[in-house]
N, C-alpha and C. Protein backbone atom coordinates (compact mmCIF):
# COMPACT_ATOMS: atom_id res chain seq x y z
N MET A 1 104.03 47.91 28.34
CA MET A 1 103.80 48.39 29.70
C MET A 1 105.13 48.61 30.41
N ASN A 2 105.99 47.62 30.41
CA ASN A 2 107.28 47.70 31.11
C ASN A 2 107.16 48.23 32.53
N ALA A 3 106.47 47.48 33.34
CA ALA A 3 106.27 47.84 34.74
C ALA A 3 106.72 46.69 35.63
N CYS A 4 107.08 47.05 36.85
CA CYS A 4 107.53 46.06 37.84
C CYS A 4 106.77 46.31 39.14
N ALA A 5 106.34 45.23 39.76
CA ALA A 5 105.72 45.28 41.08
C ALA A 5 106.60 44.52 42.06
N PHE A 6 106.32 44.70 43.32
CA PHE A 6 107.11 44.09 44.39
C PHE A 6 106.20 43.43 45.40
N ILE A 7 106.57 42.22 45.79
CA ILE A 7 105.86 41.48 46.84
C ILE A 7 106.92 40.91 47.77
N GLY A 8 106.72 41.11 49.06
CA GLY A 8 107.68 40.58 50.01
C GLY A 8 107.12 40.58 51.42
N HIS A 9 107.84 39.97 52.31
CA HIS A 9 107.43 39.89 53.70
C HIS A 9 107.56 41.25 54.38
N ARG A 10 106.72 41.46 55.36
CA ARG A 10 106.80 42.70 56.15
C ARG A 10 108.17 42.86 56.79
N ASN A 11 108.64 41.79 57.38
CA ASN A 11 109.92 41.83 58.08
C ASN A 11 110.99 41.25 57.17
N ILE A 12 112.07 41.99 57.03
CA ILE A 12 113.14 41.57 56.13
C ILE A 12 114.49 41.73 56.80
N ASN A 13 115.47 41.20 56.14
CA ASN A 13 116.85 41.34 56.58
C ASN A 13 117.50 42.38 55.68
N ASN A 14 118.21 43.33 56.23
CA ASN A 14 118.84 44.38 55.42
C ASN A 14 119.87 43.84 54.44
N GLU A 15 120.25 42.59 54.59
CA GLU A 15 121.22 42.00 53.67
C GLU A 15 120.69 41.90 52.24
N ILE A 16 119.37 41.96 52.06
CA ILE A 16 118.82 41.85 50.70
C ILE A 16 118.89 43.17 49.93
N LYS A 17 119.20 44.26 50.61
CA LYS A 17 119.15 45.58 49.99
C LYS A 17 120.03 45.68 48.74
N GLU A 18 121.22 45.16 48.82
CA GLU A 18 122.13 45.23 47.67
C GLU A 18 121.57 44.45 46.47
N ASN A 19 121.08 43.24 46.71
CA ASN A 19 120.50 42.44 45.63
C ASN A 19 119.23 43.07 45.07
N LEU A 20 118.43 43.65 45.94
CA LEU A 20 117.22 44.33 45.50
C LEU A 20 117.55 45.53 44.62
N SER A 21 118.49 46.32 45.06
CA SER A 21 118.91 47.50 44.30
C SER A 21 119.47 47.10 42.93
N LYS A 22 120.27 46.07 42.91
CA LYS A 22 120.85 45.59 41.64
C LYS A 22 119.77 45.08 40.70
N ALA A 23 118.79 44.34 41.24
CA ALA A 23 117.70 43.81 40.41
C ALA A 23 116.89 44.95 39.79
N ILE A 24 116.60 45.98 40.57
CA ILE A 24 115.84 47.12 40.06
C ILE A 24 116.64 47.84 38.98
N GLU A 25 117.89 48.10 39.27
CA GLU A 25 118.73 48.83 38.30
C GLU A 25 118.91 48.03 37.01
N ASP A 26 119.03 46.73 37.11
CA ASP A 26 119.12 45.89 35.91
C ASP A 26 117.85 46.01 35.06
N LEU A 27 116.69 46.02 35.71
CA LEU A 27 115.44 46.17 34.97
C LEU A 27 115.38 47.52 34.26
N ILE A 28 115.85 48.55 34.91
CA ILE A 28 115.84 49.89 34.31
C ILE A 28 116.77 49.93 33.10
N ARG A 29 117.98 49.43 33.28
CA ARG A 29 118.98 49.52 32.20
C ARG A 29 118.76 48.51 31.09
N GLU A 30 118.50 47.26 31.46
CA GLU A 30 118.44 46.18 30.47
C GLU A 30 117.06 45.99 29.84
N LYS A 31 116.02 46.17 30.63
CA LYS A 31 114.65 45.90 30.15
C LYS A 31 113.84 47.17 29.93
N LYS A 32 114.45 48.32 30.21
CA LYS A 32 113.79 49.62 30.01
C LYS A 32 112.51 49.77 30.84
N VAL A 33 112.50 49.19 32.01
CA VAL A 33 111.35 49.33 32.91
C VAL A 33 111.37 50.73 33.50
N GLU A 34 110.23 51.40 33.44
CA GLU A 34 110.14 52.77 33.93
C GLU A 34 109.07 52.96 35.00
N ASN A 35 108.17 52.00 35.16
CA ASN A 35 107.07 52.11 36.12
C ASN A 35 107.21 51.05 37.20
N PHE A 36 107.08 51.47 38.44
CA PHE A 36 107.24 50.58 39.58
C PHE A 36 106.07 50.76 40.54
N TYR A 37 105.53 49.62 41.02
CA TYR A 37 104.41 49.61 41.95
C TYR A 37 104.76 48.83 43.20
N PHE A 38 104.46 49.40 44.36
CA PHE A 38 104.70 48.70 45.62
C PHE A 38 103.69 49.17 46.65
N GLY A 39 103.58 48.42 47.73
CA GLY A 39 102.63 48.74 48.79
C GLY A 39 103.24 49.64 49.85
N ASN A 40 102.54 49.74 50.96
CA ASN A 40 103.01 50.58 52.06
C ASN A 40 102.79 49.90 53.41
N HIS A 41 103.09 48.60 53.45
CA HIS A 41 102.87 47.84 54.68
C HIS A 41 104.08 46.99 55.04
N GLY A 42 105.10 47.59 55.54
CA GLY A 42 106.20 46.79 56.04
C GLY A 42 107.57 47.20 55.53
N ALA A 43 108.56 46.58 56.11
CA ALA A 43 109.96 46.93 55.86
C ALA A 43 110.37 46.70 54.40
N PHE A 44 109.83 45.67 53.76
CA PHE A 44 110.19 45.42 52.36
C PHE A 44 109.72 46.59 51.49
N ASP A 45 108.48 47.03 51.69
CA ASP A 45 107.96 48.15 50.93
C ASP A 45 108.77 49.42 51.18
N PHE A 46 109.13 49.66 52.44
CA PHE A 46 109.93 50.85 52.76
C PHE A 46 111.29 50.80 52.06
N MET A 47 111.89 49.61 52.04
CA MET A 47 113.20 49.47 51.39
C MET A 47 113.07 49.71 49.89
N VAL A 48 112.05 49.16 49.26
CA VAL A 48 111.82 49.37 47.83
C VAL A 48 111.70 50.86 47.55
N ARG A 49 110.88 51.54 48.34
CA ARG A 49 110.68 52.97 48.15
C ARG A 49 111.98 53.75 48.27
N ASP A 50 112.77 53.45 49.28
CA ASP A 50 114.03 54.15 49.47
C ASP A 50 114.98 53.94 48.29
N ILE A 51 115.05 52.72 47.80
CA ILE A 51 115.93 52.42 46.66
C ILE A 51 115.45 53.15 45.41
N LEU A 52 114.16 53.11 45.15
CA LEU A 52 113.63 53.78 43.96
C LEU A 52 113.82 55.30 44.04
N LYS A 53 113.64 55.83 45.21
CA LYS A 53 113.85 57.28 45.40
C LYS A 53 115.30 57.64 45.10
N GLU A 54 116.20 56.80 45.56
CA GLU A 54 117.63 57.00 45.31
C GLU A 54 117.96 56.87 43.81
N LEU A 55 117.44 55.83 43.18
CA LEU A 55 117.71 55.58 41.76
C LEU A 55 117.10 56.63 40.84
N ARG A 56 116.06 57.29 41.31
CA ARG A 56 115.40 58.29 40.48
C ARG A 56 116.34 59.45 40.15
N SER A 57 117.29 59.75 41.02
CA SER A 57 118.25 60.82 40.72
C SER A 57 119.19 60.41 39.58
N LYS A 58 119.44 59.12 39.46
CA LYS A 58 120.30 58.60 38.39
C LYS A 58 119.51 58.31 37.11
N TYR A 59 118.25 57.91 37.27
CA TYR A 59 117.37 57.57 36.14
C TYR A 59 116.08 58.39 36.27
N PRO A 60 116.10 59.65 35.85
CA PRO A 60 114.93 60.52 36.06
C PRO A 60 113.68 60.09 35.31
N GLN A 61 113.81 59.17 34.36
CA GLN A 61 112.65 58.71 33.59
C GLN A 61 111.76 57.75 34.36
N ILE A 62 112.26 57.19 35.47
CA ILE A 62 111.46 56.21 36.20
C ILE A 62 110.39 56.89 37.03
N ARG A 63 109.28 56.16 37.20
CA ARG A 63 108.18 56.60 38.04
C ARG A 63 107.86 55.47 39.02
N TYR A 64 107.58 55.84 40.23
CA TYR A 64 107.17 54.82 41.18
C TYR A 64 105.91 55.30 41.90
N ASN A 65 105.08 54.33 42.23
CA ASN A 65 103.82 54.63 42.90
C ASN A 65 103.58 53.68 44.05
N ILE A 66 103.19 54.25 45.15
CA ILE A 66 102.71 53.48 46.28
C ILE A 66 101.27 53.11 45.95
N VAL A 67 100.97 51.83 45.92
CA VAL A 67 99.62 51.40 45.61
C VAL A 67 98.91 51.14 46.94
N LEU A 68 97.92 51.97 47.22
CA LEU A 68 97.23 51.91 48.50
C LEU A 68 96.19 50.80 48.53
N ALA A 69 96.09 50.13 49.66
CA ALA A 69 95.04 49.13 49.86
C ALA A 69 93.79 49.82 50.39
N TYR A 70 93.98 50.91 51.09
CA TYR A 70 92.87 51.73 51.58
C TYR A 70 93.39 53.13 51.82
N ILE A 71 92.49 54.05 51.91
CA ILE A 71 92.86 55.45 52.12
C ILE A 71 93.45 55.58 53.52
N PRO A 72 94.65 56.16 53.64
CA PRO A 72 95.27 56.29 54.96
C PRO A 72 94.51 57.28 55.85
N ALA A 73 94.46 56.96 57.11
CA ALA A 73 93.85 57.85 58.09
C ALA A 73 94.94 58.34 59.03
N GLY A 74 94.87 59.58 59.39
CA GLY A 74 95.86 60.10 60.33
C GLY A 74 97.19 60.38 59.68
N LYS A 75 98.24 60.17 60.44
CA LYS A 75 99.60 60.48 60.00
C LYS A 75 100.04 59.56 58.85
N TYR A 76 100.62 60.14 57.82
CA TYR A 76 101.10 59.37 56.68
C TYR A 76 102.40 58.67 57.00
N GLU A 77 102.56 57.48 56.43
CA GLU A 77 103.77 56.71 56.63
C GLU A 77 104.89 57.16 55.71
N TYR A 78 104.54 57.83 54.62
CA TYR A 78 105.53 58.33 53.66
C TYR A 78 105.32 59.82 53.50
N GLU A 79 106.39 60.53 53.27
CA GLU A 79 106.26 61.97 53.04
C GLU A 79 105.82 62.29 51.62
N ASP A 80 105.92 61.35 50.70
CA ASP A 80 105.56 61.65 49.32
C ASP A 80 104.32 60.87 48.88
N TYR A 81 103.23 61.07 49.58
CA TYR A 81 101.99 60.41 49.22
C TYR A 81 101.40 60.94 47.92
N ILE A 82 102.08 61.89 47.31
CA ILE A 82 101.63 62.38 46.00
C ILE A 82 101.79 61.30 44.94
N ASN A 83 102.72 60.38 45.14
CA ASN A 83 102.98 59.28 44.21
C ASN A 83 102.18 58.04 44.62
N THR A 84 100.86 58.14 44.61
CA THR A 84 100.04 57.01 45.02
C THR A 84 99.01 56.66 43.97
N ILE A 85 98.57 55.42 44.04
CA ILE A 85 97.46 54.93 43.22
C ILE A 85 96.50 54.22 44.18
N TYR A 86 95.24 54.49 44.01
CA TYR A 86 94.21 53.77 44.74
C TYR A 86 93.34 53.10 43.67
N PRO A 87 93.53 51.81 43.44
CA PRO A 87 92.84 51.12 42.35
C PRO A 87 91.31 51.24 42.42
N ASP A 88 90.71 51.46 41.27
CA ASP A 88 89.25 51.53 41.17
C ASP A 88 88.62 50.26 41.72
N GLY A 89 87.55 50.43 42.46
CA GLY A 89 86.80 49.31 43.00
C GLY A 89 87.27 48.86 44.37
N LEU A 90 88.46 49.27 44.78
CA LEU A 90 88.98 48.81 46.07
C LEU A 90 88.16 49.35 47.24
N GLU A 91 87.49 50.47 47.04
CA GLU A 91 86.67 51.04 48.11
C GLU A 91 85.50 50.12 48.47
N LYS A 92 85.16 49.19 47.59
CA LYS A 92 84.05 48.26 47.83
C LYS A 92 84.51 46.96 48.48
N VAL A 93 85.81 46.78 48.61
CA VAL A 93 86.37 45.55 49.16
C VAL A 93 86.44 45.66 50.68
N PRO A 94 85.98 44.64 51.42
CA PRO A 94 86.14 44.68 52.88
C PRO A 94 87.60 44.88 53.27
N LEU A 95 87.84 45.65 54.32
CA LEU A 95 89.21 46.00 54.72
C LEU A 95 90.12 44.79 54.87
N ARG A 96 89.59 43.69 55.39
CA ARG A 96 90.45 42.54 55.62
C ARG A 96 90.94 41.89 54.31
N PHE A 97 90.31 42.23 53.18
CA PHE A 97 90.73 41.71 51.88
C PHE A 97 91.41 42.76 51.00
N ALA A 98 91.52 43.97 51.51
CA ALA A 98 92.02 45.08 50.70
C ALA A 98 93.47 44.87 50.25
N ILE A 99 94.32 44.39 51.12
CA ILE A 99 95.73 44.18 50.74
C ILE A 99 95.82 43.07 49.69
N ILE A 100 95.03 42.05 49.83
CA ILE A 100 95.01 40.96 48.84
C ILE A 100 94.62 41.49 47.48
N GLU A 101 93.55 42.26 47.42
CA GLU A 101 93.08 42.81 46.14
C GLU A 101 94.07 43.82 45.57
N ARG A 102 94.68 44.61 46.44
CA ARG A 102 95.71 45.56 45.99
C ARG A 102 96.88 44.82 45.36
N ASN A 103 97.33 43.75 46.00
CA ASN A 103 98.46 42.98 45.47
C ASN A 103 98.11 42.33 44.13
N LYS A 104 96.88 41.85 44.00
CA LYS A 104 96.45 41.30 42.71
C LYS A 104 96.46 42.39 41.64
N TRP A 105 96.02 43.59 42.00
CA TRP A 105 96.03 44.71 41.04
C TRP A 105 97.47 44.98 40.57
N MET A 106 98.41 45.02 41.52
CA MET A 106 99.81 45.29 41.15
C MET A 106 100.32 44.23 40.19
N ILE A 107 100.04 42.97 40.48
CA ILE A 107 100.51 41.88 39.63
C ILE A 107 99.85 41.95 38.25
N ASN A 108 98.57 42.23 38.22
CA ASN A 108 97.88 42.33 36.94
C ASN A 108 98.38 43.49 36.08
N ASN A 109 99.00 44.47 36.70
CA ASN A 109 99.45 45.67 35.99
C ASN A 109 100.96 45.76 35.84
N CYS A 110 101.63 44.62 35.91
CA CYS A 110 103.09 44.63 35.74
C CYS A 110 103.52 43.54 34.77
N ASP A 111 104.76 43.66 34.33
CA ASP A 111 105.40 42.64 33.50
C ASP A 111 106.34 41.80 34.35
N TYR A 112 106.96 42.45 35.33
CA TYR A 112 107.97 41.83 36.19
C TYR A 112 107.50 41.90 37.63
N LEU A 113 107.86 40.88 38.40
CA LEU A 113 107.59 40.88 39.83
C LEU A 113 108.89 40.55 40.54
N ILE A 114 109.33 41.47 41.38
CA ILE A 114 110.46 41.18 42.25
C ILE A 114 109.87 40.76 43.58
N CYS A 115 110.27 39.58 44.04
CA CYS A 115 109.68 39.08 45.28
C CYS A 115 110.74 38.58 46.25
N TYR A 116 110.38 38.72 47.50
CA TYR A 116 111.20 38.22 48.60
C TYR A 116 110.32 37.27 49.40
N VAL A 117 110.53 35.98 49.20
CA VAL A 117 109.72 34.95 49.83
C VAL A 117 110.62 34.05 50.66
N LYS A 118 110.36 34.01 51.97
CA LYS A 118 111.18 33.19 52.86
C LYS A 118 110.62 31.79 53.05
N ASN A 119 109.29 31.66 52.97
CA ASN A 119 108.71 30.33 53.14
C ASN A 119 107.51 30.16 52.23
N THR A 120 107.19 28.92 51.94
CA THR A 120 106.15 28.63 50.95
C THR A 120 104.74 28.72 51.52
N PHE A 121 104.59 28.98 52.80
CA PHE A 121 103.27 29.05 53.41
C PHE A 121 102.81 30.48 53.63
N SER A 122 103.55 31.44 53.12
CA SER A 122 103.24 32.85 53.37
C SER A 122 102.34 33.43 52.28
N ASN A 123 101.76 34.59 52.58
CA ASN A 123 100.98 35.30 51.56
C ASN A 123 101.87 35.73 50.40
N ALA A 124 103.10 36.12 50.70
CA ALA A 124 104.03 36.50 49.64
C ALA A 124 104.22 35.35 48.66
N SER A 125 104.32 34.14 49.18
CA SER A 125 104.47 32.96 48.34
C SER A 125 103.23 32.74 47.47
N LYS A 126 102.06 32.97 48.03
CA LYS A 126 100.81 32.82 47.27
C LYS A 126 100.75 33.83 46.13
N PHE A 127 101.21 35.05 46.37
CA PHE A 127 101.20 36.05 45.31
C PHE A 127 102.25 35.77 44.25
N LYS A 128 103.34 35.17 44.65
CA LYS A 128 104.34 34.75 43.66
C LYS A 128 103.72 33.71 42.73
N GLU A 129 103.01 32.74 43.30
CA GLU A 129 102.33 31.72 42.49
C GLU A 129 101.28 32.35 41.58
N PHE A 130 100.54 33.32 42.09
CA PHE A 130 99.53 34.03 41.29
C PHE A 130 100.20 34.70 40.09
N ALA A 131 101.35 35.34 40.32
CA ALA A 131 102.08 36.01 39.24
C ALA A 131 102.59 35.00 38.22
N GLU A 132 103.06 33.85 38.69
CA GLU A 132 103.53 32.81 37.77
C GLU A 132 102.39 32.35 36.86
N LYS A 133 101.20 32.15 37.44
CA LYS A 133 100.04 31.72 36.65
C LYS A 133 99.64 32.78 35.63
N LYS A 134 99.90 34.04 35.94
CA LYS A 134 99.59 35.14 35.03
C LYS A 134 100.67 35.34 33.97
N GLY A 135 101.76 34.55 34.06
CA GLY A 135 102.83 34.64 33.08
C GLY A 135 103.79 35.80 33.30
N LYS A 136 103.84 36.31 34.50
CA LYS A 136 104.77 37.41 34.81
C LYS A 136 106.18 36.88 34.95
N ILE A 137 107.14 37.72 34.69
CA ILE A 137 108.55 37.36 34.86
C ILE A 137 108.91 37.62 36.32
N ILE A 138 109.32 36.56 37.00
CA ILE A 138 109.59 36.61 38.44
C ILE A 138 111.08 36.74 38.70
N ILE A 139 111.44 37.68 39.55
CA ILE A 139 112.82 37.84 40.01
C ILE A 139 112.78 37.62 41.51
N GLU A 140 113.40 36.53 41.94
CA GLU A 140 113.42 36.20 43.38
C GLU A 140 114.69 36.71 44.02
N LEU A 141 114.54 37.24 45.22
CA LEU A 141 115.72 37.69 45.99
C LEU A 141 116.15 36.60 46.93
């Protein structure tokens, strides 16, 4: 599979950008990861997208997909919504659980998880634990 997913807090510090970029590039070069999955809810997701878009010019073999928790209504948050996945069955999940189920889908469909967790009581921390139980390789920022 050689895929990587991302889990992190909505609000982030721009200081992590360099470490995040290096971690992604290392996966591409060293582990031959070509598929990347991330959400569309917050600054961490936006940063991931920007870095992958930038790296794609250097590594044209990589693919990245925004994994939607629900179908967007109104104005799109990204200009390239062509690179999206809407997991099967998510349309049956109540909206308040959609992000949780989307994140589980990303973890179930990756080998690596890059995560940014500031505290152990957050949802990001819970998904990191979920990935550990699934035997995923965790890269913490």
